[in-house]
Protein backbone atom coordinates (compact mmCIF):
# COMPACT_ATOMS: atom_id res chain seq x y z
CA MET A 1 142.79 229.39 -106.91
CA LEU A 2 145.29 227.64 -108.91
CA VAL A 3 145.30 229.06 -112.60
CA VAL A 4 147.62 228.34 -115.46
CA LEU A 5 147.95 231.03 -118.01
CA ASP A 6 149.15 230.17 -121.91
CA SER A 7 152.22 232.30 -123.29
CA ASN A 8 149.93 234.08 -125.22
CA VAL A 9 147.41 235.47 -122.56
CA LEU A 10 150.81 236.79 -120.62
CA PHE A 11 152.16 238.22 -124.36
CA SER A 12 149.17 240.10 -124.67
CA ALA A 13 148.35 241.34 -120.89
CA LEU A 14 151.57 243.45 -122.33
CA ILE A 15 150.54 244.32 -125.71
CA SER A 16 147.14 245.92 -124.18
CA PRO A 17 146.16 247.28 -121.37
CA TYR A 18 141.91 247.42 -122.22
CA GLY A 19 141.80 243.31 -122.78
CA ALA A 20 140.76 240.55 -120.40
CA PRO A 21 144.32 239.12 -120.16
CA HIS A 22 145.89 242.14 -118.53
CA ARG A 23 142.64 242.54 -116.27
CA ILE A 24 143.95 238.60 -115.48
CA TYR A 25 147.40 239.25 -115.48
CA GLU A 26 146.79 242.53 -112.94
CA ALA A 27 144.06 240.30 -110.52
CA TRP A 28 146.76 237.83 -110.20
CA ARG A 29 149.21 240.45 -108.82
CA GLU A 30 146.84 241.68 -106.76
CA GLY A 31 146.48 238.02 -104.91
CA ARG A 32 143.11 237.14 -106.63
CA PHE A 33 144.65 233.79 -107.51
CA GLU A 34 147.88 231.65 -107.11
CA LEU A 35 149.60 231.21 -110.41
CA ALA A 36 151.83 227.80 -111.55
CA THR A 37 154.40 228.40 -114.49
CA CYS A 38 157.49 225.84 -115.02
CA GLY A 39 161.00 226.64 -116.59
CA GLU A 40 159.51 225.57 -119.93
CA GLN A 41 157.05 228.99 -120.13
CA LEU A 42 159.64 230.75 -118.67
CA ASP A 43 161.83 229.76 -121.46
CA GLU A 44 159.51 230.12 -124.19
CA LEU A 45 158.55 233.29 -123.09
CA ARG A 46 161.84 234.61 -122.91
CA ARG A 47 162.85 233.08 -126.04
CA ALA A 48 159.94 233.90 -128.15
CA SER A 49 159.43 238.00 -126.68
CA ARG A 50 162.41 238.22 -129.33
CA TYR A 51 160.87 237.06 -132.39
CA PRO A 52 160.73 239.83 -135.29
CA LYS A 53 156.67 239.96 -135.31
CA PHE A 54 156.97 241.43 -131.36
CA ARG A 55 159.75 243.74 -132.22
CA GLY A 56 157.84 247.17 -131.93
CA ILE A 57 155.06 245.52 -130.11
CA LEU A 58 156.42 244.12 -126.77
CA GLN A 59 158.72 246.90 -124.30
CA PRO A 60 161.50 244.37 -123.24
CA HIS A 61 161.82 246.17 -120.06
CA LEU A 62 158.18 244.73 -119.29
CA VAL A 63 158.53 241.17 -120.53
CA GLY A 64 161.95 241.34 -118.33
CA LEU A 65 159.64 242.77 -115.43
CA MET A 66 156.49 240.20 -115.95
CA LEU A 67 159.56 237.52 -115.98
CA ASN A 68 160.63 238.35 -112.57
CA HIS A 69 157.00 238.71 -111.31
CA LEU A 70 156.70 235.16 -112.96
CA HIS A 71 158.98 233.88 -110.26
CA ARG A 72 156.72 235.03 -107.14
CA ALA A 73 154.42 231.69 -109.14
CA GLN A 74 154.52 228.64 -107.84
CA VAL A 75 157.41 227.69 -110.23
CA VAL A 76 157.30 223.50 -111.13
CA PRO A 77 160.96 222.62 -111.93
CA HIS A 78 159.95 219.40 -113.57
CA LEU A 79 156.60 218.49 -115.87
CA PRO A 80 155.70 214.45 -115.85
CA GLY A 81 155.26 214.25 -119.76
CA LYS A 82 151.93 212.25 -119.18
CA HIS A 83 149.85 214.29 -121.94
CA GLU A 84 150.55 215.65 -125.53
CA ALA A 85 149.06 218.53 -127.17
CA ASP A 86 148.06 218.63 -130.60
CA ASP A 87 150.69 221.79 -131.28
CA SER A 88 153.66 219.86 -129.55
CA TYR A 89 154.42 223.74 -127.95
CA ASP A 90 151.94 223.82 -125.96
CA THR A 91 152.36 220.02 -124.42
CA TYR A 92 153.56 221.44 -121.24
CA LEU A 93 150.68 223.50 -120.81
CA LEU A 94 148.32 220.50 -119.94
CA ASN A 95 151.55 218.64 -118.28
CA LEU A 96 151.65 221.43 -115.77
CA ALA A 97 147.73 222.12 -115.07
CA ASP A 98 147.76 218.24 -114.44
CA ALA A 99 150.54 218.13 -112.45
CA VAL A 100 149.63 221.28 -110.02
CA GLN A 101 146.11 220.32 -110.35
CA ALA A 102 145.03 223.78 -111.38
CA HIS A 103 140.99 225.02 -111.48
CA TYR A 104 141.99 226.66 -114.66
CA LEU A 105 144.15 226.69 -117.69
CA VAL A 106 143.05 230.14 -119.45
CA THR A 107 144.58 230.10 -123.47
CA GLY A 108 143.65 232.71 -126.05
CA ASP A 109 144.50 230.49 -128.87
CA LYS A 110 141.35 228.74 -129.81
CA ARG A 111 143.44 227.25 -133.21
CA ALA A 112 146.04 224.82 -131.03
CA GLY A 113 142.99 222.53 -130.06
CA ILE A 114 143.80 222.98 -126.30
CA ILE A 115 140.56 224.50 -125.59
CA ARG A 116 138.86 222.00 -127.66
CA LEU A 117 139.37 219.66 -124.67
CA ARG A 118 138.18 222.17 -122.09
CA ARG A 119 139.19 219.89 -119.43
CA ILE A 120 142.42 217.97 -118.11
CA GLY A 121 141.79 215.98 -115.62
CA LYS A 122 140.79 218.12 -112.82
CA THR A 123 141.48 221.73 -114.79
CA SER A 124 139.04 223.27 -116.57
CA ILE A 125 140.62 225.09 -120.10
CA VAL A 126 138.75 228.52 -120.44
CA THR A 127 139.05 231.26 -122.94
CA ALA A 128 140.97 234.97 -121.12
CA ALA A 129 137.12 236.40 -121.31
CA ALA A 130 135.01 233.02 -120.05
CA PHE A 131 138.00 233.02 -116.90
CA CYS A 132 137.47 236.88 -116.11
CA GLU A 133 133.54 235.97 -116.03
CA THR A 134 134.37 233.32 -113.19
CA LEU A 135 136.63 236.43 -111.47
CA ARG A 136 134.05 239.04 -111.86
CA ILE A 137 136.70 240.97 -113.43
């Protein structure tokens, strides 16, 4: 099963070891599913992890470790510009999920609108909690 994780799910995995995002991240590291990412997401994680709102919440060494782990994922170098999200920062997620024909795009951002799409191409768009149910974790 191939999955795309929204950056907010990845950050949440680092912030709290008790929530669904952390269980998902650990399940990927244990090989329960394959993960796809892209240069845009890796850049976003590096940039956003330095935002003032994350100071004191995200530990830089854990962000660095996560970025190193993400290089083991399927990294797509160039994405087609086929889809547009209401939030332009999420457009790459839709294009990534569609380009790799991911089974799931997991997001925690209910306000951005991508969760309301429910599907992009062959990809189901689900919350972290719903994906945990799928994985039975």
